[in-house]
Structure formats: structure tokens, C-alpha cells
Amino acid sequence: MSDFDKFLTGEGLQHLDIALGLLAAMAATMQYWRIVVWRASKLVLVGRWLMALGWTIIAGRIVQMLWMKGDIMISLPSLTAMMMLSSGSILVALFWRPAR
């Protein structure tokens, strides 16, 4: 397997796997924080709970795979997409305000 193939499959990128797990955990934490601190309609609250639980499950799976196999083998495009999604979730949790 060439270095380029390893780069595309994510093999051996444990430092990025750990960073992704921390980012997913932070996205979950931000959603839980918004549930507790901010008041919203029930529909928005259900959406926040779904996002928080989803990010918690993703972070848990990343930790589980790192613990059991030592590598989560996520491809670089998927890694980039996950980082964009979790970062966007954090930004929305911090700065989203309902229309007034």
C-alpha cells in the first residue's frame, strides 16, 4: 500500500482520529449546554437533543474504535466532512438566535 493510499483511507492518522473524537465530544457538549442554558420551542429542543445524542454516539464510537483497534480508518474526505459538520454544530450552538 502506497503512502497516498494510506492518506486516502486514513490508515495511521491516529492524531487526527483523536482530534475528531475530541471535536465530536465538544459538539455534543455545546448542544447539551444550549439545552440547559437557552430557552427554545419544543421542536427546537427536540432537534437539539437529537444532535447532542448523535454527537455523543459518534464520539463514543470513535473512542471505542481507538481503544479496540488503535485506528478508526476514516477516509480523508469523510474526516474533512465530519470536522466541518462538528465545527458548524459548535458555531450554531454558540451564535444561533431565534428571529425576533
PDB file of N, CA and C in Angstrom:
ATOM      1  N   MET A   1       0.856  -1.175   0.000  1.00  0.00           N
ATOM      2  CA  MET A   1       0.000   0.000   0.000  1.00  0.00           C
ATOM      3  C   MET A   1       0.901   1.238   0.000  1.00  0.00           C
ATOM      4  N   SER A   2       0.628   2.141  -0.921  1.00  0.00           N
ATOM      5  CA  SER A   2       1.449   3.348  -1.029  1.00  0.00           C
ATOM      6  C   SER A   2       1.056   4.370   0.041  1.00  0.00           C
ATOM      7  N   ASP A   3       1.888   5.372   0.205  1.00  0.00           N
ATOM      8  CA  ASP A   3       1.590   6.439   1.168  1.00  0.00           C
ATOM      9  C   ASP A   3       0.310   7.174   0.791  1.00  0.00           C
ATOM     10  N   PHE A   4       0.068   7.336  -0.513  1.00  0.00           N
ATOM     11  CA  PHE A   4      -1.146   8.017  -0.959  1.00  0.00           C
ATOM     12  C   PHE A   4      -2.391   7.215  -0.594  1.00  0.00           C
ATOM     13  N   ASP A   5      -2.331   5.883  -0.730  1.00  0.00           N
ATOM     14  CA  ASP A   5      -3.464   5.040  -0.346  1.00  0.00           C
ATOM     15  C   ASP A   5      -3.730   5.127   1.147  1.00  0.00           C
ATOM     16  N   LYS A   6      -2.682   5.140   1.939  1.00  0.00           N
ATOM     17  CA  LYS A   6      -2.845   5.288   3.385  1.00  0.00           C
ATOM     18  C   LYS A   6      -3.462   6.641   3.727  1.00  0.00           C
ATOM     19  N   PHE A   7      -3.072   7.669   2.982  1.00  0.00           N
ATOM     20  CA  PHE A   7      -3.611   9.008   3.197  1.00  0.00           C
ATOM     21  C   PHE A   7      -5.103   9.048   2.887  1.00  0.00           C
ATOM     22  N   LEU A   8      -5.533   8.378   1.816  1.00  0.00           N
ATOM     23  CA  LEU A   8      -6.943   8.376   1.440  1.00  0.00           C
ATOM     24  C   LEU A   8      -7.797   7.520   2.359  1.00  0.00           C
ATOM     25  N   THR A   9      -7.238   6.415   2.857  1.00  0.00           N
ATOM     26  CA  THR A   9      -8.010   5.544   3.749  1.00  0.00           C
ATOM     27  C   THR A   9      -7.924   5.975   5.198  1.00  0.00           C
ATOM     28  N   GLY A  10      -6.986   6.846   5.513  1.00  0.00           N
ATOM     29  CA  GLY A  10      -6.842   7.310   6.885  1.00  0.00           C
ATOM     30  C   GLY A  10      -6.034   6.392   7.759  1.00  0.00           C
ATOM     31  N   GLU A  11      -5.408   5.401   7.189  1.00  0.00           N
ATOM     32  CA  GLU A  11      -4.611   4.469   7.986  1.00  0.00           C
ATOM     33  C   GLU A  11      -3.418   5.191   8.595  1.00  0.00           C
ATOM     34  N   GLY A  12      -3.259   5.043   9.890  1.00  0.00           N
ATOM     35  CA  GLY A  12      -2.116   5.631  10.574  1.00  0.00           C
ATOM     36  C   GLY A  12      -2.276   7.096  10.947  1.00  0.00           C
ATOM     37  N   LEU A  13      -3.455   7.636  10.834  1.00  0.00           N
ATOM     38  CA  LEU A  13      -3.683   9.042  11.200  1.00  0.00           C
ATOM     39  C   LEU A  13      -4.338   9.131  12.578  1.00  0.00           C
ATOM     40  N   GLN A  14      -3.729   8.479  13.571  1.00  0.00           N
ATOM     41  CA  GLN A  14      -4.325   8.433  14.898  1.00  0.00           C
ATOM     42  C   GLN A  14      -4.473   9.811  15.524  1.00  0.00           C
ATOM     43  N   HIS A  15      -3.530  10.711  15.278  1.00  0.00           N
ATOM     44  CA  HIS A  15      -3.643  12.050  15.868  1.00  0.00           C
ATOM     45  C   HIS A  15      -4.873  12.776  15.323  1.00  0.00           C
ATOM     46  N   LEU A  16      -5.219  12.552  14.062  1.00  0.00           N
ATOM     47  CA  LEU A  16      -6.445  13.145  13.522  1.00  0.00           C
ATOM     48  C   LEU A  16      -7.690  12.437  14.050  1.00  0.00           C
ATOM     49  N   ASP A  17      -7.577  11.128  14.299  1.00  0.00           N
ATOM     50  CA  ASP A  17      -8.694  10.384  14.884  1.00  0.00           C
ATOM     51  C   ASP A  17      -9.006  10.904  16.284  1.00  0.00           C
ATOM     52  N   ILE A  18      -7.978  11.144  17.060  1.00  0.00           N
ATOM     53  CA  ILE A  18      -8.159  11.676  18.412  1.00  0.00           C
ATOM     54  C   ILE A  18      -8.752  13.081  18.345  1.00  0.00           C
ATOM     55  N   ALA A  19      -8.255  13.904  17.429  1.00  0.00           N
ATOM     56  CA  ALA A  19      -8.784  15.259  17.267  1.00  0.00           C
ATOM     57  C   ALA A  19     -10.252  15.218  16.864  1.00  0.00           C
ATOM     58  N   LEU A  20     -10.618  14.301  15.975  1.00  0.00           N
ATOM     59  CA  LEU A  20     -12.013  14.173  15.562  1.00  0.00           C
ATOM     60  C   LEU A  20     -12.894  13.734  16.724  1.00  0.00           C
ATOM     61  N   GLY A  21     -12.410  12.799  17.542  1.00  0.00           N
ATOM     62  CA  GLY A  21     -13.163  12.376  18.721  1.00  0.00           C
ATOM     63  C   GLY A  21     -13.380  13.519  19.699  1.00  0.00           C
ATOM     64  N   LEU A  22     -12.340  14.320  19.907  1.00  0.00           N
ATOM     65  CA  LEU A  22     -12.484  15.478  20.797  1.00  0.00           C
ATOM     66  C   LEU A  22     -13.439  16.511  20.215  1.00  0.00           C
ATOM     67  N   LEU A  23     -13.389  16.716  18.916  1.00  0.00           N
ATOM     68  CA  LEU A  23     -14.286  17.668  18.271  1.00  0.00           C
ATOM     69  C   LEU A  23     -15.735  17.207  18.360  1.00  0.00           C
ATOM     70  N   ALA A  24     -15.976  15.907  18.166  1.00  0.00           N
ATOM     71  CA  ALA A  24     -17.332  15.364  18.295  1.00  0.00           C
ATOM     72  C   ALA A  24     -17.825  15.495  19.733  1.00  0.00           C
ATOM     73  N   ALA A  25     -16.955  15.242  20.701  1.00  0.00           N
ATOM     74  CA  ALA A  25     -17.338  15.398  22.112  1.00  0.00           C
ATOM     75  C   ALA A  25     -17.647  16.860  22.434  1.00  0.00           C
ATOM     76  N   MET A  26     -16.883  17.772  21.864  1.00  0.00           N
ATOM     77  CA  MET A  26     -17.137  19.202  22.081  1.00  0.00           C
ATOM     78  C   MET A  26     -18.458  19.622  21.446  1.00  0.00           C
ATOM     79  N   ALA A  27     -18.752  19.094  20.260  1.00  0.00           N
ATOM     80  CA  ALA A  27     -20.029  19.412  19.609  1.00  0.00           C
ATOM     81  C   ALA A  27     -21.194  18.917  20.467  1.00  0.00           C
ATOM     82  N   ALA A  28     -21.065  17.724  21.042  1.00  0.00           N
ATOM     83  CA  ALA A  28     -22.110  17.205  21.932  1.00  0.00           C
ATOM     84  C   ALA A  28     -22.244  18.071  23.173  1.00  0.00           C
ATOM     85  N   THR A  29     -21.125  18.447  23.760  1.00  0.00           N
ATOM     86  CA  THR A  29     -21.144  19.297  24.955  1.00  0.00           C
ATOM     87  C   THR A  29     -21.817  20.628  24.679  1.00  0.00           C
ATOM     88  N   MET A  30     -21.526  21.224  23.530  1.00  0.00           N
ATOM     89  CA  MET A  30     -22.138  22.509  23.190  1.00  0.00           C
ATOM     90  C   MET A  30     -23.651  22.372  23.024  1.00  0.00           C
ATOM     91  N   GLN A  31     -24.096  21.268  22.450  1.00  0.00           N
ATOM     92  CA  GLN A  31     -25.538  21.070  22.296  1.00  0.00           C
ATOM     93  C   GLN A  31     -26.195  20.870  23.660  1.00  0.00           C
ATOM     94  N   TYR A  32     -25.581  20.099  24.554  1.00  0.00           N
ATOM     95  CA  TYR A  32     -26.138  19.936  25.904  1.00  0.00           C
ATOM     96  C   TYR A  32     -26.172  21.284  26.635  1.00  0.00           C
ATOM     97  N   TRP A  33     -25.137  22.082  26.461  1.00  0.00           N
ATOM     98  CA  TRP A  33     -25.086  23.405  27.086  1.00  0.00           C
ATOM     99  C   TRP A  33     -26.243  24.268  26.593  1.00  0.00           C
ATOM    100  N   ARG A  34     -26.505  24.234  25.280  1.00  0.00           N
ATOM    101  CA  ARG A  34     -27.609  25.029  24.740  1.00  0.00           C
ATOM    102  C   ARG A  34     -28.956  24.538  25.268  1.00  0.00           C
ATOM    103  N   ILE A  35     -29.102  23.242  25.469  1.00  0.00           N
ATOM    104  CA  ILE A  35     -30.348  22.699  26.010  1.00  0.00           C
ATOM    105  C   ILE A  35     -30.600  23.254  27.405  1.00  0.00           C
ATOM    106  N   VAL A  36     -29.563  23.319  28.213  1.00  0.00           N
ATOM    107  CA  VAL A  36     -29.696  23.757  29.605  1.00  0.00           C
ATOM    108  C   VAL A  36     -29.846  25.274  29.717  1.00  0.00           C
ATOM    109  N   VAL A  37     -29.054  26.023  28.990  1.00  0.00           N
ATOM    110  CA  VAL A  37     -28.965  27.467  29.180  1.00  0.00           C
ATOM    111  C   VAL A  37     -30.019  28.242  28.411  1.00  0.00           C
ATOM    112  N   TRP A  38     -30.270  27.883  27.165  1.00  0.00           N
ATOM    113  CA  TRP A  38     -31.140  28.678  26.311  1.00  0.00           C
ATOM    114  C   TRP A  38     -32.539  28.101  26.286  1.00  0.00           C
ATOM    115  N   ARG A  39     -33.502  28.963  26.183  1.00  0.00           N
ATOM    116  CA  ARG A  39     -34.892  28.537  26.086  1.00  0.00           C
ATOM    117  C   ARG A  39     -35.313  28.574  24.627  1.00  0.00           C
ATOM    118  N   ALA A  40     -36.049  27.563  24.200  1.00  0.00           N
ATOM    119  CA  ALA A  40     -36.500  27.485  22.813  1.00  0.00           C
ATOM    120  C   ALA A  40     -37.816  26.721  22.767  1.00  0.00           C
ATOM    121  N   SER A  41     -38.420  26.691  21.587  1.00  0.00           N
ATOM    122  CA  SER A  41     -39.659  25.936  21.424  1.00  0.00           C
ATOM    123  C   SER A  41     -39.366  24.443  21.562  1.00  0.00           C
ATOM    124  N   LYS A  42     -40.409  23.682  21.756  1.00  0.00           N
ATOM    125  CA  LYS A  42     -40.239  22.239  21.948  1.00  0.00           C
ATOM    126  C   LYS A  42     -39.636  21.573  20.717  1.00  0.00           C
ATOM    127  N   LEU A  43     -39.979  22.041  19.530  1.00  0.00           N
ATOM    128  CA  LEU A  43     -39.433  21.451  18.311  1.00  0.00           C
ATOM    129  C   LEU A  43     -37.926  21.687  18.218  1.00  0.00           C
ATOM    130  N   VAL A  44     -37.469  22.890  18.547  1.00  0.00           N
ATOM    131  CA  VAL A  44     -36.035  23.181  18.547  1.00  0.00           C
ATOM    132  C   VAL A  44     -35.341  22.368  19.637  1.00  0.00           C
ATOM    133  N   LEU A  45     -35.986  22.223  20.775  1.00  0.00           N
ATOM    134  CA  LEU A  45     -35.409  21.441  21.872  1.00  0.00           C
ATOM    135  C   LEU A  45     -35.235  19.973  21.473  1.00  0.00           C
ATOM    136  N   VAL A  46     -36.215  19.411  20.791  1.00  0.00           N
ATOM    137  CA  VAL A  46     -36.104  18.025  20.312  1.00  0.00           C
ATOM    138  C   VAL A  46     -34.933  17.909  19.327  1.00  0.00           C
ATOM    139  N   GLY A  47     -34.803  18.887  18.434  1.00  0.00           N
ATOM    140  CA  GLY A  47     -33.688  18.888  17.492  1.00  0.00           C
ATOM    141  C   GLY A  47     -32.347  18.961  18.188  1.00  0.00           C
ATOM    142  N   ARG A  48     -32.260  19.779  19.232  1.00  0.00           N
ATOM    143  CA  ARG A  48     -31.003  19.885  19.982  1.00  0.00           C
ATOM    144  C   ARG A  48     -30.681  18.573  20.683  1.00  0.00           C
ATOM    145  N   TRP A  49     -31.698  17.911  21.257  1.00  0.00           N
ATOM    146  CA  TRP A  49     -31.469  16.623  21.905  1.00  0.00           C
ATOM    147  C   TRP A  49     -30.984  15.593  20.888  1.00  0.00           C
ATOM    148  N   LEU A  50     -31.582  15.589  19.696  1.00  0.00           N
ATOM    149  CA  LEU A  50     -31.147  14.643  18.669  1.00  0.00           C
ATOM    150  C   LEU A  50     -29.698  14.901  18.258  1.00  0.00           C
ATOM    151  N   MET A  51     -29.331  16.176  18.074  1.00  0.00           N
ATOM    152  CA  MET A  51     -27.943  16.495  17.722  1.00  0.00           C
ATOM    153  C   MET A  51     -26.997  16.113  18.854  1.00  0.00           C
ATOM    154  N   ALA A  52     -27.365  16.426  20.087  1.00  0.00           N
ATOM    155  CA  ALA A  52     -26.497  16.119  21.223  1.00  0.00           C
ATOM    156  C   ALA A  52     -26.278  14.615  21.360  1.00  0.00           C
ATOM    157  N   LEU A  53     -27.350  13.846  21.257  1.00  0.00           N
ATOM    158  CA  LEU A  53     -27.213  12.390  21.372  1.00  0.00           C
ATOM    159  C   LEU A  53     -26.437  11.809  20.193  1.00  0.00           C
ATOM    160  N   GLY A  54     -26.665  12.325  19.007  1.00  0.00           N
ATOM    161  CA  GLY A  54     -25.923  11.859  17.841  1.00  0.00           C
ATOM    162  C   GLY A  54     -24.434  12.112  17.968  1.00  0.00           C
ATOM    163  N   TRP A  55     -24.057  13.316  18.398  1.00  0.00           N
ATOM    164  CA  TRP A  55     -22.635  13.622  18.576  1.00  0.00           C
ATOM    165  C   TRP A  55     -22.030  12.786  19.703  1.00  0.00           C
ATOM    166  N   THR A  56     -22.809  12.519  20.749  1.00  0.00           N
ATOM    167  CA  THR A  56     -22.315  11.675  21.842  1.00  0.00           C
ATOM    168  C   THR A  56     -22.036  10.266  21.346  1.00  0.00           C
ATOM    169  N   ILE A  57     -22.933   9.725  20.537  1.00  0.00           N
ATOM    170  CA  ILE A  57     -22.751   8.379  19.995  1.00  0.00           C
ATOM    171  C   ILE A  57     -21.530   8.333  19.077  1.00  0.00           C
ATOM    172  N   ILE A  58     -21.380   9.342  18.211  1.00  0.00           N
ATOM    173  CA  ILE A  58     -20.219   9.374  17.311  1.00  0.00           C
ATOM    174  C   ILE A  58     -18.917   9.441  18.108  1.00  0.00           C
ATOM    175  N   ALA A  59     -18.867  10.323  19.112  1.00  0.00           N
ATOM    176  CA  ALA A  59     -17.657  10.428  19.938  1.00  0.00           C
ATOM    177  C   ALA A  59     -17.379   9.111  20.657  1.00  0.00           C
ATOM    178  N   GLY A  60     -18.418   8.467  21.154  1.00  0.00           N
ATOM    179  CA  GLY A  60     -18.257   7.177  21.822  1.00  0.00           C
ATOM    180  C   GLY A  60     -17.736   6.094  20.890  1.00  0.00           C
ATOM    181  N   ARG A  61     -18.239   6.073  19.667  1.00  0.00           N
ATOM    182  CA  ARG A  61     -17.767   5.082  18.688  1.00  0.00           C
ATOM    183  C   ARG A  61     -16.313   5.320  18.306  1.00  0.00           C
ATOM    184  N   ILE A  62     -15.918   6.580  18.188  1.00  0.00           N
ATOM    185  CA  ILE A  62     -14.522   6.882  17.866  1.00  0.00           C
ATOM    186  C   ILE A  62     -13.618   6.401  18.988  1.00  0.00           C
ATOM    187  N   VAL A  63     -13.989   6.689  20.227  1.00  0.00           N
ATOM    188  CA  VAL A  63     -13.191   6.234  21.375  1.00  0.00           C
ATOM    189  C   VAL A  63     -13.152   4.708  21.427  1.00  0.00           C
ATOM    190  N   GLN A  64     -14.291   4.074  21.187  1.00  0.00           N
ATOM    191  CA  GLN A  64     -14.337   2.607  21.199  1.00  0.00           C
ATOM    192  C   GLN A  64     -13.416   2.010  20.139  1.00  0.00           C
ATOM    193  N   MET A  65     -13.448   2.548  18.915  1.00  0.00           N
ATOM    194  CA  MET A  65     -12.587   2.018  17.850  1.00  0.00           C
ATOM    195  C   MET A  65     -11.109   2.270  18.138  1.00  0.00           C
ATOM    196  N   LEU A  66     -10.794   3.438  18.670  1.00  0.00           N
ATOM    197  CA  LEU A  66      -9.400   3.709  19.025  1.00  0.00           C
ATOM    198  C   LEU A  66      -8.930   2.774  20.134  1.00  0.00           C
ATOM    199  N   TRP A  67      -9.792   2.505  21.088  1.00  0.00           N
ATOM    200  CA  TRP A  67      -9.435   1.632  22.207  1.00  0.00           C
ATOM    201  C   TRP A  67      -9.262   0.188  21.739  1.00  0.00           C
ATOM    202  N   MET A  68     -10.180  -0.291  20.892  1.00  0.00           N
ATOM    203  CA  MET A  68     -10.167  -1.701  20.494  1.00  0.00           C
ATOM    204  C   MET A  68      -9.194  -1.992  19.343  1.00  0.00           C
ATOM    205  N   LYS A  69      -9.107  -1.103  18.363  1.00  0.00           N
ATOM    206  CA  LYS A  69      -8.319  -1.386  17.162  1.00  0.00           C
ATOM    207  C   LYS A  69      -7.122  -0.467  16.991  1.00  0.00           C
ATOM    208  N   GLY A  70      -7.116   0.674  17.675  1.00  0.00           N
ATOM    209  CA  GLY A  70      -5.996   1.591  17.558  1.00  0.00           C
ATOM    210  C   GLY A  70      -6.098   2.566  16.401  1.00  0.00           C
ATOM    211  N   ASP A  71      -7.127   2.417  15.550  1.00  0.00           N
ATOM    212  CA  ASP A  71      -7.295   3.288  14.396  1.00  0.00           C
ATOM    213  C   ASP A  71      -8.754   3.196  13.951  1.00  0.00           C
ATOM    214  N   ILE A  72      -9.348   4.320  13.598  1.00  0.00           N
ATOM    215  CA  ILE A  72     -10.757   4.253  13.179  1.00  0.00           C
ATOM    216  C   ILE A  72     -10.899   4.110  11.675  1.00  0.00           C
ATOM    217  N   MET A  73      -9.794   4.244  10.922  1.00  0.00           N
ATOM    218  CA  MET A  73      -9.788   4.038   9.471  1.00  0.00           C
ATOM    219  C   MET A  73     -10.854   4.867   8.766  1.00  0.00           C
ATOM    220  N   ILE A  74     -10.918   6.144   9.049  1.00  0.00           N
ATOM    221  CA  ILE A  74     -11.847   7.030   8.364  1.00  0.00           C
ATOM    222  C   ILE A  74     -11.092   7.693   7.217  1.00  0.00           C
ATOM    223  N   SER A  75     -11.706   7.727   6.054  1.00  0.00           N
ATOM    224  CA  SER A  75     -11.046   8.298   4.886  1.00  0.00           C
ATOM    225  C   SER A  75     -10.922   9.808   5.044  1.00  0.00           C
ATOM    226  N   LEU A  76      -9.987  10.385   4.341  1.00  0.00           N
ATOM    227  CA  LEU A  76      -9.736  11.818   4.452  1.00  0.00           C
ATOM    228  C   LEU A  76     -10.958  12.655   4.059  1.00  0.00           C
ATOM    229  N   PRO A  77     -11.676  12.341   2.977  1.00  0.00           N
ATOM    230  CA  PRO A  77     -12.877  13.136   2.679  1.00  0.00           C
ATOM    231  C   PRO A  77     -13.927  13.040   3.785  1.00  0.00           C
ATOM    232  N   SER A  78     -14.108  11.860   4.360  1.00  0.00           N
ATOM    233  CA  SER A  78     -15.064  11.709   5.458  1.00  0.00           C
ATOM    234  C   SER A  78     -14.600  12.450   6.704  1.00  0.00           C
ATOM    235  N   LEU A  79     -13.298  12.418   6.950  1.00  0.00           N
ATOM    236  CA  LEU A  79     -12.729  13.144   8.088  1.00  0.00           C
ATOM    237  C   LEU A  79     -12.976  14.638   7.933  1.00  0.00           C
ATOM    238  N   THR A  80     -12.742  15.151   6.744  1.00  0.00           N
ATOM    239  CA  THR A  80     -12.966  16.574   6.478  1.00  0.00           C
ATOM    240  C   THR A  80     -14.438  16.929   6.666  1.00  0.00           C
ATOM    241  N   ALA A  81     -15.338  16.093   6.155  1.00  0.00           N
ATOM    242  CA  ALA A  81     -16.770  16.346   6.301  1.00  0.00           C
ATOM    243  C   ALA A  81     -17.194  16.331   7.770  1.00  0.00           C
ATOM    244  N   MET A  82     -16.679  15.372   8.541  1.00  0.00           N
ATOM    245  CA  MET A  82     -17.017  15.303   9.967  1.00  0.00           C
ATOM    246  C   MET A  82     -16.514  16.527  10.711  1.00  0.00           C
ATOM    247  N   MET A  83     -15.325  16.995  10.370  1.00  0.00           N
ATOM    248  CA  MET A  83     -14.798  18.200  11.024  1.00  0.00           C
ATOM    249  C   MET A  83     -15.650  19.417  10.680  1.00  0.00           C
ATOM    250  N   MET A  84     -16.093  19.521   9.441  1.00  0.00           N
ATOM    251  CA  MET A  84     -16.939  20.648   9.046  1.00  0.00           C
ATOM    252  C   MET A  84     -18.295  20.591   9.748  1.00  0.00           C
ATOM    253  N   LEU A  85     -18.880  19.394   9.823  1.00  0.00           N
ATOM    254  CA  LEU A  85     -20.174  19.242  10.494  1.00  0.00           C
ATOM    255  C   LEU A  85     -20.091  19.566  11.986  1.00  0.00           C
ATOM    256  N   SER A  86     -19.088  19.042  12.656  1.00  0.00           N
ATOM    257  CA  SER A  86     -18.984  19.280  14.093  1.00  0.00           C
ATOM    258  C   SER A  86     -18.638  20.734  14.386  1.00  0.00           C
ATOM    259  N   SER A  87     -17.773  21.325  13.586  1.00  0.00           N
ATOM    260  CA  SER A  87     -17.443  22.740  13.789  1.00  0.00           C
ATOM    261  C   SER A  87     -18.668  23.621  13.549  1.00  0.00           C
ATOM    262  N   GLY A  88     -19.428  23.298  12.505  1.00  0.00           N
ATOM    263  CA  GLY A  88     -20.658  24.049  12.244  1.00  0.00           C
ATOM    264  C   GLY A  88     -21.666  23.892  13.359  1.00  0.00           C
ATOM    265  N   SER A  89     -21.760  22.695  13.914  1.00  0.00           N
ATOM    266  CA  SER A  89     -22.675  22.459  15.030  1.00  0.00           C
ATOM    267  C   SER A  89     -22.282  23.281  16.252  1.00  0.00           C
ATOM    268  N   ILE A  90     -20.983  23.387  16.505  1.00  0.00           N
ATOM    269  CA  ILE A  90     -20.496  24.194  17.628  1.00  0.00           C
ATOM    270  C   ILE A  90     -20.807  25.674  17.389  1.00  0.00           C
ATOM    271  N   LEU A  91     -20.540  26.161  16.181  1.00  0.00           N
ATOM    272  CA  LEU A  91     -20.800  27.574  15.878  1.00  0.00           C
ATOM    273  C   LEU A  91     -22.282  27.909  15.979  1.00  0.00           C
ATOM    274  N   VAL A  92     -23.139  27.029  15.470  1.00  0.00           N
ATOM    275  CA  VAL A  92     -24.583  27.259  15.571  1.00  0.00           C
ATOM    276  C   VAL A  92     -25.025  27.248  17.032  1.00  0.00           C
ATOM    277  N   ALA A  93     -24.471  26.328  17.817  1.00  0.00           N
ATOM    278  CA  ALA A  93     -24.835  26.283  19.240  1.00  0.00           C
ATOM    279  C   ALA A  93     -24.422  27.552  19.961  1.00  0.00           C
ATOM    280  N   LEU A  94     -23.316  28.148  19.550  1.00  0.00           N
ATOM    281  CA  LEU A  94     -22.847  29.362  20.216  1.00  0.00           C
ATOM    282  C   LEU A  94     -23.585  30.616  19.770  1.00  0.00           C
ATOM    283  N   PHE A  95     -23.859  30.742  18.479  1.00  0.00           N
ATOM    284  CA  PHE A  95     -24.299  32.022  17.952  1.00  0.00           C
ATOM    285  C   PHE A  95     -25.715  32.072  17.399  1.00  0.00           C
ATOM    286  N   TRP A  96     -26.427  30.965  17.305  1.00  0.00           N
ATOM    287  CA  TRP A  96     -27.767  30.991  16.727  1.00  0.00           C
ATOM    288  C   TRP A  96     -28.745  31.657  17.686  1.00  0.00           C
ATOM    289  N   ARG A  97     -29.512  32.541  17.161  1.00  0.00           N
ATOM    290  CA  ARG A  97     -30.551  33.212  17.944  1.00  0.00           C
ATOM    291  C   ARG A  97     -31.841  33.140  17.150  1.00  0.00           C
ATOM    292  N   PRO A  98     -32.976  32.920  17.809  1.00  0.00           N
ATOM    293  CA  PRO A  98     -34.245  32.890  17.067  1.00  0.00           C
ATOM    294  C   PRO A  98     -34.552  34.279  16.494  1.00  0.00           C
ATOM    295  N   ALA A  99     -35.252  34.271  15.368  1.00  0.00           N
ATOM    296  CA  ALA A  99     -35.646  35.547  14.762  1.00  0.00           C
ATOM    297  C   ALA A  99     -36.573  36.297  15.698  1.00  0.00           C
ATOM    298  N   ARG A 100     -36.396  37.593  15.767  1.00  0.00           N
ATOM    299  CA  ARG A 100     -37.228  38.385  16.673  1.00  0.00           C
ATOM    300  C   ARG A 100     -38.166  39.248  15.900  1.00  0.00           C
TER     301      ARG A 100
END
